[in-house]
């Protein structure tokens, strides 16, 4: 089938694109900067449409004749005109309207675990929830996926964690490090999106996550085991981190984390309703396996499973 895809040049989008192509779908992608699309054309059955979510003509071209839409575009930090409202809400609504007008049957949308309209939630989570609503209002047969932290080679924060454990004798930990994540492998997410396109029995909003909820310390344990190293950890008081995050609003290039990102980190990202095994029939890959794969170029040869876990 013809599948219209947004976010194809991103971390998740590249994996979803290749998964769809391997399953012999024709994929049409929306790309803001055509100069970044050269490698996409090399994949074969890919048509590139230049434009963005606010471009009605480009959206009409993107969805014309498509049977399904996979919408992955999202931002973590707003920049210039790319605000949360413009991307997550207005952009999603515009794509939904174009897809509906073109007679698209399936609409698969990437949201985020923790998305909610709660006033106490971050703007990221609130606008993700609003984007979900835009899909639900128009497509009764929608599939909305809410992934936890997505683990894979293109995840920049995860790569920073690995490099820090590799090279720093002391690893800083925000607060007590007990906040929990449920990292999900990138390829498991891509498989879920492919199934969302293909299986007409799927409809609704689904949490997708890895097989286990891990504290920040446990995630660092898995990285240390994969690299066969042991590092000293130092807790950084939350007051200091909050001060630095607030200062980053004025000097973002100097701050490694924003206040909203800090709030989401401390809230954690876990679920008791992981749909990967129960709905999609996918056995989620453990975080330790993903880390062994990502750390393999840096780990000592024949290091086995790594160092012993911490007591």
C-alpha atoms as a PDB file:
ATOM      1  CA  UNK A   1       0.000   0.000   0.000  1.00  0.00           C
ATOM      2  CA  UNK A   2       0.975   3.655  -0.283  1.00  0.00           C
ATOM      3  CA  UNK A   3       1.920   5.055   3.131  1.00  0.00           C
ATOM      4  CA  UNK A   4       2.415   8.775   3.777  1.00  0.00           C
ATOM      5  CA  UNK A   5       5.098   9.330   6.409  1.00  0.00           C
ATOM      6  CA  UNK A   6       6.184  12.417   8.348  1.00  0.00           C
ATOM      7  CA  UNK A   7       9.418  12.603  10.315  1.00  0.00           C
ATOM      8  CA  UNK A   8      11.307  10.257   7.988  1.00  0.00           C
ATOM      9  CA  UNK A   9      14.640  12.020   8.533  1.00  0.00           C
ATOM     10  CA  UNK A  10      14.399  11.662  12.310  1.00  0.00           C
ATOM     11  CA  UNK A  11      15.604   9.038  14.765  1.00  0.00           C
ATOM     12  CA  UNK A  12      12.378   7.019  14.802  1.00  0.00           C
ATOM     13  CA  UNK A  13      11.350   7.922  11.260  1.00  0.00           C
ATOM     14  CA  UNK A  14      14.364   6.311   9.646  1.00  0.00           C
ATOM     15  CA  UNK A  15      13.647   2.994  11.350  1.00  0.00           C
ATOM     16  CA  UNK A  16       9.933   3.138  10.503  1.00  0.00           C
ATOM     17  CA  UNK A  17      10.685   4.006   6.870  1.00  0.00           C
ATOM     18  CA  UNK A  18      13.024   1.060   6.412  1.00  0.00           C
ATOM     19  CA  UNK A  19      10.587  -1.288   8.161  1.00  0.00           C
ATOM     20  CA  UNK A  20       7.760  -0.237   5.825  1.00  0.00           C
ATOM     21  CA  UNK A  21       9.960  -0.639   2.750  1.00  0.00           C
ATOM     22  CA  UNK A  22      11.056  -4.125   3.834  1.00  0.00           C
ATOM     23  CA  UNK A  23       7.368  -5.010   4.004  1.00  0.00           C
ATOM     24  CA  UNK A  24       7.004  -3.836   0.391  1.00  0.00           C
ATOM     25  CA  UNK A  25       4.971  -0.711   1.013  1.00  0.00           C
ATOM     26  CA  UNK A  26       5.387   2.360  -1.176  1.00  0.00           C
ATOM     27  CA  UNK A  27       6.301   5.280   1.057  1.00  0.00           C
ATOM     28  CA  UNK A  28       5.826   8.975   0.407  1.00  0.00           C
ATOM     29  CA  UNK A  29       7.647  11.263   2.846  1.00  0.00           C
ATOM     30  CA  UNK A  30       7.299  14.914   3.809  1.00  0.00           C
ATOM     31  CA  UNK A  31      10.649  16.674   4.200  1.00  0.00           C
ATOM     32  CA  UNK A  32      11.138  20.291   5.276  1.00  0.00           C
ATOM     33  CA  UNK A  33      14.617  20.466   3.753  1.00  0.00           C
ATOM     34  CA  UNK A  34      14.943  18.496   0.482  1.00  0.00           C
ATOM     35  CA  UNK A  35      18.749  18.676   0.807  1.00  0.00           C
ATOM     36  CA  UNK A  36      18.434  16.171   3.679  1.00  0.00           C
ATOM     37  CA  UNK A  37      16.391  13.771   1.572  1.00  0.00           C
ATOM     38  CA  UNK A  38      19.085  12.450  -0.754  1.00  0.00           C
ATOM     39  CA  UNK A  39      19.667   9.255   1.208  1.00  0.00           C
ATOM     40  CA  UNK A  40      15.917   8.613   1.402  1.00  0.00           C
ATOM     41  CA  UNK A  41      15.701   8.347  -2.378  1.00  0.00           C
ATOM     42  CA  UNK A  42      18.466   5.746  -2.272  1.00  0.00           C
ATOM     43  CA  UNK A  43      16.165   3.356  -0.406  1.00  0.00           C
ATOM     44  CA  UNK A  44      14.158   2.721  -3.553  1.00  0.00           C
ATOM     45  CA  UNK A  45      10.386   2.989  -3.440  1.00  0.00           C
ATOM     46  CA  UNK A  46      10.315   6.397  -1.726  1.00  0.00           C
ATOM     47  CA  UNK A  47       8.726   9.574  -3.068  1.00  0.00           C
ATOM     48  CA  UNK A  48       9.855  12.836  -1.450  1.00  0.00           C
ATOM     49  CA  UNK A  49       7.472  15.769  -1.000  1.00  0.00           C
ATOM     50  CA  UNK A  50       9.101  19.086  -0.041  1.00  0.00           C
ATOM     51  CA  UNK A  51       7.201  21.062   2.563  1.00  0.00           C
ATOM     52  CA  UNK A  52       6.124  21.222   6.180  1.00  0.00           C
ATOM     53  CA  UNK A  53       3.024  20.659   8.272  1.00  0.00           C
ATOM     54  CA  UNK A  54       1.781  24.205   7.715  1.00  0.00           C
ATOM     55  CA  UNK A  55       1.898  23.854   3.919  1.00  0.00           C
ATOM     56  CA  UNK A  56      -1.573  22.795   2.732  1.00  0.00           C
ATOM     57  CA  UNK A  57      -0.457  22.101  -0.834  1.00  0.00           C
ATOM     58  CA  UNK A  58       2.419  19.904   0.318  1.00  0.00           C
ATOM     59  CA  UNK A  59       0.123  17.980   2.675  1.00  0.00           C
ATOM     60  CA  UNK A  60      -2.396  17.419  -0.112  1.00  0.00           C
ATOM     61  CA  UNK A  61       0.392  16.010  -2.308  1.00  0.00           C
ATOM     62  CA  UNK A  62       1.692  13.878   0.550  1.00  0.00           C
ATOM     63  CA  UNK A  63      -1.602  12.107   1.242  1.00  0.00           C
ATOM     64  CA  UNK A  64      -3.048  11.923  -2.296  1.00  0.00           C
ATOM     65  CA  UNK A  65      -3.860   8.282  -3.027  1.00  0.00           C
ATOM     66  CA  UNK A  66      -2.379   7.073   0.269  1.00  0.00           C
ATOM     67  CA  UNK A  67      -4.143   4.340   2.199  1.00  0.00           C
ATOM     68  CA  UNK A  68      -2.400   5.100   5.483  1.00  0.00           C
ATOM     69  CA  UNK A  69      -0.583   7.927   7.251  1.00  0.00           C
ATOM     70  CA  UNK A  70       2.155   7.533   9.851  1.00  0.00           C
ATOM     71  CA  UNK A  71       2.718  10.804  11.698  1.00  0.00           C
ATOM     72  CA  UNK A  72       5.971  10.943  13.682  1.00  0.00           C
ATOM     73  CA  UNK A  73       6.905  14.627  13.700  1.00  0.00           C
ATOM     74  CA  UNK A  74       7.527  16.056  17.147  1.00  0.00           C
ATOM     75  CA  UNK A  75       9.960  18.298  19.005  1.00  0.00           C
ATOM     76  CA  UNK A  76      11.514  18.057  22.458  1.00  0.00           C
ATOM     77  CA  UNK A  77      12.613  21.681  22.782  1.00  0.00           C
ATOM     78  CA  UNK A  78      10.862  24.558  20.965  1.00  0.00           C
ATOM     79  CA  UNK A  79      13.020  26.703  18.733  1.00  0.00           C
ATOM     80  CA  UNK A  80      11.956  29.865  16.933  1.00  0.00           C
ATOM     81  CA  UNK A  81       8.703  29.327  15.075  1.00  0.00           C
ATOM     82  CA  UNK A  82       8.794  25.614  15.862  1.00  0.00           C
ATOM     83  CA  UNK A  83       6.722  25.763  19.043  1.00  0.00           C
ATOM     84  CA  UNK A  84       4.970  22.868  20.778  1.00  0.00           C
ATOM     85  CA  UNK A  85       1.560  24.237  19.806  1.00  0.00           C
ATOM     86  CA  UNK A  86       2.505  24.779  16.186  1.00  0.00           C
ATOM     87  CA  UNK A  87       4.103  21.347  15.706  1.00  0.00           C
ATOM     88  CA  UNK A  88       2.180  19.021  18.023  1.00  0.00           C
ATOM     89  CA  UNK A  89      -1.280  20.594  17.783  1.00  0.00           C
ATOM     90  CA  UNK A  90      -1.724  22.764  14.687  1.00  0.00           C
ATOM     91  CA  UNK A  91       0.574  20.609  12.550  1.00  0.00           C
ATOM     92  CA  UNK A  92      -1.193  17.407  13.534  1.00  0.00           C
ATOM     93  CA  UNK A  93      -4.626  18.945  12.952  1.00  0.00           C
ATOM     94  CA  UNK A  94      -3.582  20.121   9.484  1.00  0.00           C
ATOM     95  CA  UNK A  95      -2.309  16.674   8.522  1.00  0.00           C
ATOM     96  CA  UNK A  96      -5.441  15.000   9.885  1.00  0.00           C
ATOM     97  CA  UNK A  97      -7.645  17.339   7.838  1.00  0.00           C
ATOM     98  CA  UNK A  98      -5.646  16.684   4.667  1.00  0.00           C
ATOM     99  CA  UNK A  99      -5.736  12.925   5.225  1.00  0.00           C
ATOM    100  CA  UNK A 100      -9.474  12.951   5.836  1.00  0.00           C
ATOM    101  CA  UNK A 101     -10.116  15.012   2.696  1.00  0.00           C
ATOM    102  CA  UNK A 102      -8.014  12.554   0.649  1.00  0.00           C
ATOM    103  CA  UNK A 103      -9.960   9.538   1.918  1.00  0.00           C
ATOM    104  CA  UNK A 104      -7.080   7.993   3.890  1.00  0.00           C
ATOM    105  CA  UNK A 105      -8.313   4.948   5.844  1.00  0.00           C
ATOM    106  CA  UNK A 106      -5.603   4.454   8.491  1.00  0.00           C
ATOM    107  CA  UNK A 107      -3.896   7.053  10.670  1.00  0.00           C
ATOM    108  CA  UNK A 108      -1.051   6.022  13.017  1.00  0.00           C
ATOM    109  CA  UNK A 109       0.233   8.763  15.307  1.00  0.00           C
ATOM    110  CA  UNK A 110       3.220   8.907  17.652  1.00  0.00           C
ATOM    111  CA  UNK A 111       2.513  10.535  20.993  1.00  0.00           C
ATOM    112  CA  UNK A 112       4.442   9.982  24.234  1.00  0.00           C
ATOM    113  CA  UNK A 113       4.019   8.105  27.486  1.00  0.00           C
ATOM    114  CA  UNK A 114       2.740  10.627  30.010  1.00  0.00           C
ATOM    115  CA  UNK A 115       0.769  12.734  27.503  1.00  0.00           C
ATOM    116  CA  UNK A 116      -2.119  14.382  29.348  1.00  0.00           C
ATOM    117  CA  UNK A 117      -4.105  17.598  29.482  1.00  0.00           C
ATOM    118  CA  UNK A 118      -3.351  18.136  33.192  1.00  0.00           C
ATOM    119  CA  UNK A 119      -2.436  21.758  33.895  1.00  0.00           C
ATOM    120  CA  UNK A 120       0.509  20.533  35.986  1.00  0.00           C
ATOM    121  CA  UNK A 121       1.953  18.615  33.037  1.00  0.00           C
ATOM    122  CA  UNK A 122       4.718  20.075  30.894  1.00  0.00           C
ATOM    123  CA  UNK A 123       3.819  21.905  27.658  1.00  0.00           C
ATOM    124  CA  UNK A 124       5.341  18.950  25.807  1.00  0.00           C
ATOM    125  CA  UNK A 125       2.924  16.484  27.385  1.00  0.00           C
ATOM    126  CA  UNK A 126      -0.070  18.814  27.170  1.00  0.00           C
ATOM    127  CA  UNK A 127       0.429  19.487  23.467  1.00  0.00           C
ATOM    128  CA  UNK A 128       1.037  15.817  22.786  1.00  0.00           C
ATOM    129  CA  UNK A 129      -2.346  15.144  24.409  1.00  0.00           C
ATOM    130  CA  UNK A 130      -3.959  17.866  22.286  1.00  0.00           C
ATOM    131  CA  UNK A 131      -2.455  16.304  19.167  1.00  0.00           C
ATOM    132  CA  UNK A 132      -3.976  12.973  20.164  1.00  0.00           C
ATOM    133  CA  UNK A 133      -7.384  14.642  20.477  1.00  0.00           C
ATOM    134  CA  UNK A 134      -7.035  16.105  16.984  1.00  0.00           C
ATOM    135  CA  UNK A 135      -6.553  12.575  15.628  1.00  0.00           C
ATOM    136  CA  UNK A 136      -9.371  10.988  17.645  1.00  0.00           C
ATOM    137  CA  UNK A 137     -11.926  13.586  16.566  1.00  0.00           C
ATOM    138  CA  UNK A 138     -11.498  12.768  12.880  1.00  0.00           C
ATOM    139  CA  UNK A 139     -10.246   9.164  12.650  1.00  0.00           C
ATOM    140  CA  UNK A 140     -12.309   6.669  14.691  1.00  0.00           C
ATOM    141  CA  UNK A 141      -9.954   3.922  13.491  1.00  0.00           C
ATOM    142  CA  UNK A 142      -6.833   5.725  14.679  1.00  0.00           C
ATOM    143  CA  UNK A 143      -3.823   4.056  16.270  1.00  0.00           C
ATOM    144  CA  UNK A 144      -1.985   6.285  18.735  1.00  0.00           C
ATOM    145  CA  UNK A 145       1.265   4.928  20.163  1.00  0.00           C
ATOM    146  CA  UNK A 146       2.738   6.310  23.380  1.00  0.00           C
ATOM    147  CA  UNK A 147       6.329   5.083  23.636  1.00  0.00           C
ATOM    148  CA  UNK A 148       8.551   5.366  26.663  1.00  0.00           C
ATOM    149  CA  UNK A 149      12.219   6.368  26.222  1.00  0.00           C
ATOM    150  CA  UNK A 150      13.230   4.963  22.821  1.00  0.00           C
ATOM    151  CA  UNK A 151      16.605   3.219  22.913  1.00  0.00           C
ATOM    152  CA  UNK A 152      18.715   3.007  19.794  1.00  0.00           C
ATOM    153  CA  UNK A 153      21.896   4.336  18.169  1.00  0.00           C
ATOM    154  CA  UNK A 154      20.325   7.676  17.205  1.00  0.00           C
ATOM    155  CA  UNK A 155      19.146   8.594  20.709  1.00  0.00           C
ATOM    156  CA  UNK A 156      21.348  11.579  21.588  1.00  0.00           C
ATOM    157  CA  UNK A 157      20.834  11.618  25.411  1.00  0.00           C
ATOM    158  CA  UNK A 158      21.491   7.877  25.565  1.00  0.00           C
ATOM    159  CA  UNK A 159      24.641   8.277  23.505  1.00  0.00           C
ATOM    160  CA  UNK A 160      25.737  11.018  25.904  1.00  0.00           C
ATOM    161  CA  UNK A 161      25.183   8.631  28.841  1.00  0.00           C
ATOM    162  CA  UNK A 162      27.321   5.987  27.151  1.00  0.00           C
ATOM    163  CA  UNK A 163      30.118   8.444  26.374  1.00  0.00           C
ATOM    164  CA  UNK A 164      30.048   9.794  29.924  1.00  0.00           C
ATOM    165  CA  UNK A 165      30.392   6.295  31.378  1.00  0.00           C
ATOM    166  CA  UNK A 166      33.134   5.522  28.865  1.00  0.00           C
ATOM    167  CA  UNK A 167      35.297   8.569  29.512  1.00  0.00           C
ATOM    168  CA  UNK A 168      34.435  10.229  32.821  1.00  0.00           C
ATOM    169  CA  UNK A 169      35.922   8.891  36.067  1.00  0.00           C
ATOM    170  CA  UNK A 170      32.909  10.274  37.946  1.00  0.00           C
ATOM    171  CA  UNK A 171      29.327  10.134  36.667  1.00  0.00           C
ATOM    172  CA  UNK A 172      26.885  12.770  37.970  1.00  0.00           C
ATOM    173  CA  UNK A 173      23.353  11.638  38.808  1.00  0.00           C
ATOM    174  CA  UNK A 174      20.469  14.076  39.174  1.00  0.00           C
ATOM    175  CA  UNK A 175      18.938  13.748  42.631  1.00  0.00           C
ATOM    176  CA  UNK A 176      18.681  10.235  44.024  1.00  0.00           C
ATOM    177  CA  UNK A 177      18.513   8.496  40.639  1.00  0.00           C
ATOM    178  CA  UNK A 178      15.427   6.511  41.650  1.00  0.00           C
ATOM    179  CA  UNK A 179      13.138   7.897  38.940  1.00  0.00           C
ATOM    180  CA  UNK A 180      12.265   5.123  36.537  1.00  0.00           C
ATOM    181  CA  UNK A 181      12.201   4.624  32.788  1.00  0.00           C
ATOM    182  CA  UNK A 182      11.022   1.684  30.702  1.00  0.00           C
ATOM    183  CA  UNK A 183      13.281   1.944  27.646  1.00  0.00           C
ATOM    184  CA  UNK A 184      11.875   0.455  24.453  1.00  0.00           C
ATOM    185  CA  UNK A 185      14.054  -0.664  21.549  1.00  0.00           C
ATOM    186  CA  UNK A 186      13.792   1.460  18.415  1.00  0.00           C
ATOM    187  CA  UNK A 187      13.091  -1.519  16.167  1.00  0.00           C
ATOM    188  CA  UNK A 188      10.238  -2.657  18.422  1.00  0.00           C
ATOM    189  CA  UNK A 189       8.674   0.778  17.973  1.00  0.00           C
ATOM    190  CA  UNK A 190       9.126   0.534  14.196  1.00  0.00           C
ATOM    191  CA  UNK A 191       7.454  -2.869  14.164  1.00  0.00           C
ATOM    192  CA  UNK A 192       4.493  -1.516  16.127  1.00  0.00           C
ATOM    193  CA  UNK A 193       4.000   1.268  13.578  1.00  0.00           C
ATOM    194  CA  UNK A 194       4.174  -1.177  10.673  1.00  0.00           C
ATOM    195  CA  UNK A 195       1.515  -3.319  12.337  1.00  0.00           C
ATOM    196  CA  UNK A 196      -0.595  -0.232  13.045  1.00  0.00           C
ATOM    197  CA  UNK A 197      -0.659   0.405   9.292  1.00  0.00           C
ATOM    198  CA  UNK A 198      -1.388  -3.188   8.289  1.00  0.00           C
ATOM    199  CA  UNK A 199      -3.772  -4.528  10.917  1.00  0.00           C
ATOM    200  CA  UNK A 200      -7.243  -3.095  10.548  1.00  0.00           C
ATOM    201  CA  UNK A 201      -8.313  -4.701  13.841  1.00  0.00           C
ATOM    202  CA  UNK A 202      -6.062  -2.273  15.706  1.00  0.00           C
ATOM    203  CA  UNK A 203      -7.718   0.932  16.907  1.00  0.00           C
ATOM    204  CA  UNK A 204      -7.117   3.007  20.010  1.00  0.00           C
ATOM    205  CA  UNK A 205      -4.356   4.455  22.149  1.00  0.00           C
ATOM    206  CA  UNK A 206      -1.566   2.150  23.280  1.00  0.00           C
ATOM    207  CA  UNK A 207       1.395   2.439  25.654  1.00  0.00           C
ATOM    208  CA  UNK A 208       4.506   0.763  24.282  1.00  0.00           C
ATOM    209  CA  UNK A 209       7.588   0.171  26.380  1.00  0.00           C
ATOM    210  CA  UNK A 210      10.408  -2.195  27.161  1.00  0.00           C
ATOM    211  CA  UNK A 211      10.083  -5.321  29.318  1.00  0.00           C
ATOM    212  CA  UNK A 212      11.271  -3.758  32.570  1.00  0.00           C
ATOM    213  CA  UNK A 213      11.100  -0.483  34.484  1.00  0.00           C
ATOM    214  CA  UNK A 214      14.597   0.649  35.478  1.00  0.00           C
ATOM    215  CA  UNK A 215      15.825   3.368  37.792  1.00  0.00           C
ATOM    216  CA  UNK A 216      18.447   5.747  36.436  1.00  0.00           C
ATOM    217  CA  UNK A 217      21.042   3.863  38.477  1.00  0.00           C
ATOM    218  CA  UNK A 218      19.950   0.563  36.955  1.00  0.00           C
ATOM    219  CA  UNK A 219      20.234   2.014  33.470  1.00  0.00           C
ATOM    220  CA  UNK A 220      23.765   3.143  34.281  1.00  0.00           C
ATOM    221  CA  UNK A 221      24.447  -0.354  35.626  1.00  0.00           C
ATOM    222  CA  UNK A 222      23.490  -1.846  32.252  1.00  0.00           C
ATOM    223  CA  UNK A 223      25.780   0.581  30.426  1.00  0.00           C
ATOM    224  CA  UNK A 224      28.693  -0.156  32.777  1.00  0.00           C
ATOM    225  CA  UNK A 225      28.150  -3.896  32.332  1.00  0.00           C
ATOM    226  CA  UNK A 226      28.131  -3.503  28.544  1.00  0.00           C
ATOM    227  CA  UNK A 227      31.377  -1.486  28.648  1.00  0.00           C
ATOM    228  CA  UNK A 228      32.973  -3.676  31.338  1.00  0.00           C
ATOM    229  CA  UNK A 229      33.782  -0.655  33.504  1.00  0.00           C
ATOM    230  CA  UNK A 230      32.802   0.652  36.904  1.00  0.00           C
ATOM    231  CA  UNK A 231      32.428   4.367  37.609  1.00  0.00           C
ATOM    232  CA  UNK A 232      31.942   6.344  40.793  1.00  0.00           C
ATOM    233  CA  UNK A 233      28.628   8.198  40.904  1.00  0.00           C
ATOM    234  CA  UNK A 234      27.935  11.513  42.557  1.00  0.00           C
ATOM    235  CA  UNK A 235      24.440  12.784  43.243  1.00  0.00           C
ATOM    236  CA  UNK A 236      23.760  16.370  42.189  1.00  0.00           C
ATOM    237  CA  UNK A 237      21.177  18.035  44.498  1.00  0.00           C
ATOM    238  CA  UNK A 238      17.909  18.850  42.777  1.00  0.00           C
ATOM    239  CA  UNK A 239      18.118  22.486  43.894  1.00  0.00           C
ATOM    240  CA  UNK A 240      21.330  22.956  41.949  1.00  0.00           C
ATOM    241  CA  UNK A 241      19.935  21.202  38.874  1.00  0.00           C
ATOM    242  CA  UNK A 242      16.767  23.301  38.988  1.00  0.00           C
ATOM    243  CA  UNK A 243      18.834  26.477  39.221  1.00  0.00           C
ATOM    244  CA  UNK A 244      20.927  25.424  36.242  1.00  0.00           C
ATOM    245  CA  UNK A 245      17.841  24.444  34.247  1.00  0.00           C
ATOM    246  CA  UNK A 246      16.215  27.798  34.971  1.00  0.00           C
ATOM    247  CA  UNK A 247      19.382  29.622  33.931  1.00  0.00           C
ATOM    248  CA  UNK A 248      19.263  27.651  30.700  1.00  0.00           C
ATOM    249  CA  UNK A 249      16.082  29.464  29.707  1.00  0.00           C
ATOM    250  CA  UNK A 250      18.235  32.548  29.186  1.00  0.00           C
ATOM    251  CA  UNK A 251      21.376  30.731  27.966  1.00  0.00           C
ATOM    252  CA  UNK A 252      20.141  27.451  26.442  1.00  0.00           C
ATOM    253  CA  UNK A 253      23.509  26.625  24.908  1.00  0.00           C
ATOM    254  CA  UNK A 254      25.006  26.366  28.399  1.00  0.00           C
ATOM    255  CA  UNK A 255      22.320  24.198  30.022  1.00  0.00           C
ATOM    256  CA  UNK A 256      22.179  20.422  29.449  1.00  0.00           C
ATOM    257  CA  UNK A 257      18.541  20.219  30.572  1.00  0.00           C
ATOM    258  CA  UNK A 258      15.487  22.458  30.573  1.00  0.00           C
ATOM    259  CA  UNK A 259      13.033  22.803  33.498  1.00  0.00           C
ATOM    260  CA  UNK A 260      10.424  20.842  31.532  1.00  0.00           C
ATOM    261  CA  UNK A 261      12.876  18.070  30.721  1.00  0.00           C
ATOM    262  CA  UNK A 262      13.827  17.895  34.385  1.00  0.00           C
ATOM    263  CA  UNK A 263      10.179  17.584  35.394  1.00  0.00           C
ATOM    264  CA  UNK A 264       9.620  14.765  32.894  1.00  0.00           C
ATOM    265  CA  UNK A 265      12.758  12.981  34.055  1.00  0.00           C
ATOM    266  CA  UNK A 266      11.670  13.077  37.697  1.00  0.00           C
ATOM    267  CA  UNK A 267       8.126  11.975  36.786  1.00  0.00           C
ATOM    268  CA  UNK A 268       9.582   8.917  35.089  1.00  0.00           C
ATOM    269  CA  UNK A 269       8.184   7.097  32.078  1.00  0.00           C
ATOM    270  CA  UNK A 270       6.718   3.681  32.854  1.00  0.00           C
ATOM    271  CA  UNK A 271       3.501   1.794  32.223  1.00  0.00           C
ATOM    272  CA  UNK A 272       1.626  -1.204  33.587  1.00  0.00           C
ATOM    273  CA  UNK A 273      -0.246  -1.553  30.288  1.00  0.00           C
ATOM    274  CA  UNK A 274       2.514  -2.304  27.795  1.00  0.00           C
ATOM    275  CA  UNK A 275       0.731  -3.144  24.538  1.00  0.00           C
ATOM    276  CA  UNK A 276       3.781  -4.495  22.697  1.00  0.00           C
ATOM    277  CA  UNK A 277       3.388  -8.114  23.887  1.00  0.00           C
ATOM    278  CA  UNK A 278      -0.360  -8.102  24.580  1.00  0.00           C
ATOM    279  CA  UNK A 279      -1.721  -6.276  21.511  1.00  0.00           C
ATOM    280  CA  UNK A 280       1.039  -6.216  18.899  1.00  0.00           C
ATOM    281  CA  UNK A 281       2.513  -9.643  19.643  1.00  0.00           C
ATOM    282  CA  UNK A 282       6.016  -8.196  19.957  1.00  0.00           C
ATOM    283  CA  UNK A 283       8.362  -9.478  22.665  1.00  0.00           C
ATOM    284  CA  UNK A 284      10.159  -6.286  23.756  1.00  0.00           C
ATOM    285  CA  UNK A 285      13.932  -6.431  23.724  1.00  0.00           C
ATOM    286  CA  UNK A 286      15.656  -5.911  27.093  1.00  0.00           C
ATOM    287  CA  UNK A 287      17.595  -2.681  27.622  1.00  0.00           C
ATOM    288  CA  UNK A 288      20.730  -4.670  28.568  1.00  0.00           C
ATOM    289  CA  UNK A 289      20.796  -6.278  25.106  1.00  0.00           C
ATOM    290  CA  UNK A 290      20.398  -2.932  23.384  1.00  0.00           C
ATOM    291  CA  UNK A 291      23.243  -1.505  25.455  1.00  0.00           C
ATOM    292  CA  UNK A 292      25.538  -4.416  24.632  1.00  0.00           C
ATOM    293  CA  UNK A 293      24.887  -3.767  20.961  1.00  0.00           C
ATOM    294  CA  UNK A 294      25.401  -0.001  21.203  1.00  0.00           C
ATOM    295  CA  UNK A 295      28.508  -0.332  23.375  1.00  0.00           C
ATOM    296  CA  UNK A 296      30.096  -3.168  21.384  1.00  0.00           C
ATOM    297  CA  UNK A 297      32.514  -0.871  19.477  1.00  0.00           C
ATOM    298  CA  UNK A 298      33.939   0.382  22.800  1.00  0.00           C
ATOM    299  CA  UNK A 299      33.801  -2.704  25.013  1.00  0.00           C
ATOM    300  CA  UNK A 300      36.911  -4.839  25.556  1.00  0.00           C
ATOM    301  CA  UNK A 301      37.089  -7.773  23.156  1.00  0.00           C
ATOM    302  CA  UNK A 302      35.695 -10.981  24.634  1.00  0.00           C
ATOM    303  CA  UNK A 303      34.543  -9.087  27.720  1.00  0.00           C
ATOM    304  CA  UNK A 304      31.477 -11.324  28.084  1.00  0.00           C
ATOM    305  CA  UNK A 305      28.503  -9.880  29.948  1.00  0.00           C
ATOM    306  CA  UNK A 306      30.611  -7.179  31.588  1.00  0.00           C
ATOM    307  CA  UNK A 307      31.342  -6.411  35.210  1.00  0.00           C
ATOM    308  CA  UNK A 308      29.293  -7.804  38.038  1.00  0.00           C
ATOM    309  CA  UNK A 309      26.156  -5.845  39.013  1.00  0.00           C
ATOM    310  CA  UNK A 310      26.360  -3.466  41.948  1.00  0.00           C
ATOM    311  CA  UNK A 311      25.192  -4.709  45.285  1.00  0.00           C
END
